[in-house]
Amino acid sequence: MENLILKYIGNDSNGRPVYESENGKLFVDTDPRKDRQPRLCTKLNNAFDAEPDTPVMHIKRYADTEFVFEPERVVW
């Protein structure tokens, strides 16, 4: 299993936490409630305030990836 480190870079205009991977790819947690698993999506056009694009569960390259949040996952 591969680890992908996601660094918290702020909340988008809808208040959702946005993370950046080591290669500059942006991800958003569309359900950041602390009692739920993260629901990560890419960001449309890799833009900070863009809408969520593709859920990572539908992207083959992330099938065996464990997402590691730094410094931690931001939750509500």
N, C-alpha and C. Protein backbone atom coordinates (compact mmCIF):
# COMPACT_ATOMS: atom_id res chain seq x y z
N MET A 1 0.84 -1.17 0.00
CA MET A 1 0.00 0.00 0.00
C MET A 1 0.89 1.24 0.00
N GLU A 2 0.52 2.18 -0.79
CA GLU A 2 1.27 3.43 -0.93
C GLU A 2 0.65 4.51 -0.06
N ASN A 3 1.50 5.33 0.54
CA ASN A 3 1.02 6.47 1.32
C ASN A 3 1.10 7.73 0.47
N LEU A 4 0.07 8.57 0.58
CA LEU A 4 0.08 9.86 -0.08
C LEU A 4 -0.13 10.91 1.02
N ILE A 5 0.87 11.76 1.19
CA ILE A 5 0.81 12.79 2.23
C ILE A 5 0.04 13.98 1.70
N LEU A 6 -0.99 14.38 2.46
CA LEU A 6 -1.81 15.54 2.11
C LEU A 6 -1.63 16.61 3.17
N LYS A 7 -1.15 17.77 2.76
CA LYS A 7 -0.93 18.89 3.68
C LYS A 7 -2.11 19.85 3.60
N TYR A 8 -2.65 20.15 4.76
CA TYR A 8 -3.76 21.09 4.85
C TYR A 8 -3.29 22.48 4.43
N ILE A 9 -4.03 23.11 3.49
CA ILE A 9 -3.65 24.44 3.02
C ILE A 9 -4.74 25.49 3.25
N GLY A 10 -5.87 25.08 3.83
CA GLY A 10 -6.92 26.05 4.13
C GLY A 10 -8.29 25.52 3.75
N ASN A 11 -9.31 26.34 4.00
CA ASN A 11 -10.67 25.97 3.64
C ASN A 11 -11.08 26.74 2.39
N ASP A 12 -11.79 26.07 1.49
CA ASP A 12 -12.25 26.73 0.28
C ASP A 12 -13.43 27.66 0.61
N SER A 13 -13.99 28.30 -0.41
CA SER A 13 -15.06 29.28 -0.20
C SER A 13 -16.34 28.65 0.36
N ASN A 14 -16.44 27.33 0.33
CA ASN A 14 -17.57 26.63 0.92
C ASN A 14 -17.25 26.05 2.30
N GLY A 15 -16.08 26.39 2.84
CA GLY A 15 -15.71 25.95 4.17
C GLY A 15 -15.15 24.54 4.25
N ARG A 16 -14.90 23.91 3.11
CA ARG A 16 -14.38 22.54 3.10
C ARG A 16 -12.86 22.57 3.17
N PRO A 17 -12.26 21.66 3.96
CA PRO A 17 -10.80 21.62 4.04
C PRO A 17 -10.17 21.14 2.73
N VAL A 18 -9.13 21.86 2.32
CA VAL A 18 -8.41 21.56 1.08
C VAL A 18 -6.99 21.14 1.45
N TYR A 19 -6.52 20.11 0.78
CA TYR A 19 -5.19 19.55 1.02
C TYR A 19 -4.42 19.51 -0.29
N GLU A 20 -3.11 19.60 -0.18
CA GLU A 20 -2.24 19.53 -1.35
C GLU A 20 -1.29 18.35 -1.20
N SER A 21 -1.17 17.55 -2.25
CA SER A 21 -0.25 16.42 -2.24
C SER A 21 1.16 16.90 -2.56
N GLU A 22 2.10 16.01 -2.42
CA GLU A 22 3.51 16.34 -2.68
C GLU A 22 3.75 16.79 -4.12
N ASN A 23 2.89 16.36 -5.05
CA ASN A 23 3.09 16.74 -6.45
C ASN A 23 2.19 17.91 -6.87
N GLY A 24 1.56 18.58 -5.90
CA GLY A 24 0.77 19.77 -6.20
C GLY A 24 -0.69 19.53 -6.54
N LYS A 25 -1.15 18.31 -6.42
CA LYS A 25 -2.55 17.98 -6.70
C LYS A 25 -3.40 18.37 -5.50
N LEU A 26 -4.53 19.05 -5.76
CA LEU A 26 -5.42 19.48 -4.69
C LEU A 26 -6.55 18.48 -4.48
N PHE A 27 -6.86 18.27 -3.20
CA PHE A 27 -7.94 17.37 -2.79
C PHE A 27 -8.81 18.11 -1.79
N VAL A 28 -10.09 17.79 -1.77
CA VAL A 28 -11.01 18.39 -0.82
C VAL A 28 -11.77 17.27 -0.10
N ASP A 29 -11.97 17.46 1.20
CA ASP A 29 -12.75 16.51 1.98
C ASP A 29 -14.19 17.04 1.97
N THR A 30 -15.07 16.36 1.25
CA THR A 30 -16.45 16.86 1.11
C THR A 30 -17.34 16.49 2.27
N ASP A 31 -16.85 15.69 3.20
CA ASP A 31 -17.62 15.35 4.40
C ASP A 31 -16.67 15.27 5.58
N PRO A 32 -16.21 16.45 6.07
CA PRO A 32 -15.19 16.46 7.11
C PRO A 32 -15.71 16.30 8.53
N ARG A 33 -16.83 15.62 8.69
CA ARG A 33 -17.33 15.38 10.05
C ARG A 33 -16.42 14.37 10.74
N LYS A 34 -16.13 14.64 12.03
CA LYS A 34 -15.16 13.82 12.76
C LYS A 34 -15.59 12.38 12.96
N ASP A 35 -16.88 12.10 12.88
CA ASP A 35 -17.35 10.73 13.08
C ASP A 35 -17.50 9.96 11.76
N ARG A 36 -16.98 10.53 10.68
CA ARG A 36 -17.07 9.89 9.36
C ARG A 36 -15.68 9.73 8.74
N GLN A 37 -15.60 8.78 7.84
CA GLN A 37 -14.37 8.62 7.06
C GLN A 37 -14.26 9.78 6.07
N PRO A 38 -13.04 10.19 5.71
CA PRO A 38 -12.89 11.26 4.74
C PRO A 38 -13.51 10.88 3.39
N ARG A 39 -14.13 11.85 2.74
CA ARG A 39 -14.66 11.66 1.39
C ARG A 39 -13.88 12.61 0.50
N LEU A 40 -12.74 12.13 0.04
CA LEU A 40 -11.83 12.97 -0.74
C LEU A 40 -12.21 13.00 -2.21
N CYS A 41 -12.12 14.19 -2.77
CA CYS A 41 -12.30 14.40 -4.21
C CYS A 41 -11.16 15.27 -4.70
N THR A 42 -10.86 15.15 -5.98
CA THR A 42 -9.94 16.10 -6.58
C THR A 42 -10.69 17.42 -6.75
N LYS A 43 -9.97 18.49 -7.04
CA LYS A 43 -10.58 19.80 -7.28
C LYS A 43 -10.61 20.04 -8.79
N LEU A 44 -11.73 20.51 -9.30
CA LEU A 44 -11.88 20.80 -10.73
C LEU A 44 -10.79 21.76 -11.17
N ASN A 45 -10.10 21.39 -12.23
CA ASN A 45 -8.98 22.18 -12.79
C ASN A 45 -7.89 22.47 -11.77
N ASN A 46 -7.85 21.68 -10.69
CA ASN A 46 -6.84 21.83 -9.64
C ASN A 46 -6.82 23.25 -9.08
N ALA A 47 -8.00 23.86 -8.99
CA ALA A 47 -8.13 25.23 -8.48
C ALA A 47 -8.67 25.19 -7.06
N PHE A 48 -8.09 25.99 -6.18
CA PHE A 48 -8.41 25.97 -4.76
C PHE A 48 -9.91 26.14 -4.49
N ASP A 49 -10.55 27.11 -5.09
CA ASP A 49 -11.97 27.37 -4.82
C ASP A 49 -12.91 26.70 -5.81
N ALA A 50 -12.39 25.80 -6.61
CA ALA A 50 -13.24 25.08 -7.57
C ALA A 50 -14.11 24.05 -6.86
N GLU A 51 -15.11 23.59 -7.57
CA GLU A 51 -15.99 22.54 -7.05
C GLU A 51 -15.22 21.21 -6.96
N PRO A 52 -15.67 20.30 -6.10
CA PRO A 52 -15.09 18.95 -6.08
C PRO A 52 -15.28 18.32 -7.46
N ASP A 53 -14.30 17.55 -7.88
CA ASP A 53 -14.36 16.91 -9.18
C ASP A 53 -14.62 15.42 -9.01
N THR A 54 -13.61 14.60 -9.09
CA THR A 54 -13.76 13.16 -9.07
C THR A 54 -13.45 12.59 -7.68
N PRO A 55 -14.35 11.79 -7.12
CA PRO A 55 -14.04 11.12 -5.86
C PRO A 55 -12.85 10.19 -6.04
N VAL A 56 -11.93 10.19 -5.09
CA VAL A 56 -10.71 9.38 -5.23
C VAL A 56 -11.03 7.89 -5.31
N MET A 57 -12.16 7.46 -4.76
CA MET A 57 -12.51 6.04 -4.82
C MET A 57 -12.77 5.58 -6.27
N HIS A 58 -12.96 6.53 -7.18
CA HIS A 58 -13.20 6.19 -8.59
C HIS A 58 -11.95 6.37 -9.46
N ILE A 59 -10.84 6.72 -8.84
CA ILE A 59 -9.60 6.93 -9.58
C ILE A 59 -8.69 5.73 -9.33
N LYS A 60 -8.43 4.99 -10.37
CA LYS A 60 -7.69 3.73 -10.26
C LYS A 60 -6.33 3.90 -9.59
N ARG A 61 -5.62 4.98 -9.89
CA ARG A 61 -4.27 5.16 -9.33
C ARG A 61 -4.27 5.31 -7.82
N TYR A 62 -5.42 5.64 -7.21
CA TYR A 62 -5.51 5.78 -5.76
C TYR A 62 -6.16 4.57 -5.08
N ALA A 63 -6.38 3.51 -5.83
CA ALA A 63 -7.08 2.32 -5.30
C ALA A 63 -6.39 1.73 -4.07
N ASP A 64 -5.09 1.67 -4.05
CA ASP A 64 -4.36 1.08 -2.92
C ASP A 64 -3.56 2.14 -2.17
N THR A 65 -4.14 3.32 -2.05
CA THR A 65 -3.44 4.43 -1.42
C THR A 65 -4.03 4.72 -0.04
N GLU A 66 -3.14 4.92 0.90
CA GLU A 66 -3.55 5.40 2.22
C GLU A 66 -3.22 6.88 2.28
N PHE A 67 -4.22 7.70 2.58
CA PHE A 67 -4.03 9.14 2.64
C PHE A 67 -3.63 9.53 4.06
N VAL A 68 -2.51 10.23 4.16
CA VAL A 68 -1.95 10.66 5.44
C VAL A 68 -2.09 12.18 5.51
N PHE A 69 -2.82 12.66 6.51
CA PHE A 69 -3.08 14.09 6.65
C PHE A 69 -2.04 14.74 7.54
N GLU A 70 -1.48 15.86 7.06
CA GLU A 70 -0.49 16.61 7.83
C GLU A 70 -0.94 18.04 7.98
N PRO A 71 -0.90 18.62 9.13
CA PRO A 71 -0.49 17.97 10.37
C PRO A 71 -1.54 16.99 10.87
N GLU A 72 -2.82 17.19 10.49
CA GLU A 72 -3.89 16.26 10.85
C GLU A 72 -5.09 16.57 9.95
N ARG A 73 -6.04 15.67 9.96
CA ARG A 73 -7.28 15.88 9.19
C ARG A 73 -8.11 16.96 9.91
N VAL A 74 -8.55 17.93 9.15
CA VAL A 74 -9.39 18.99 9.70
C VAL A 74 -10.83 18.50 9.65
N VAL A 75 -11.49 18.52 10.80
CA VAL A 75 -12.86 18.01 10.90
C VAL A 75 -13.77 19.03 11.57
N TRP A 76 -15.07 18.81 11.41
CA TRP A 76 -16.08 19.66 12.06
C TRP A 76 -16.63 18.95 13.24
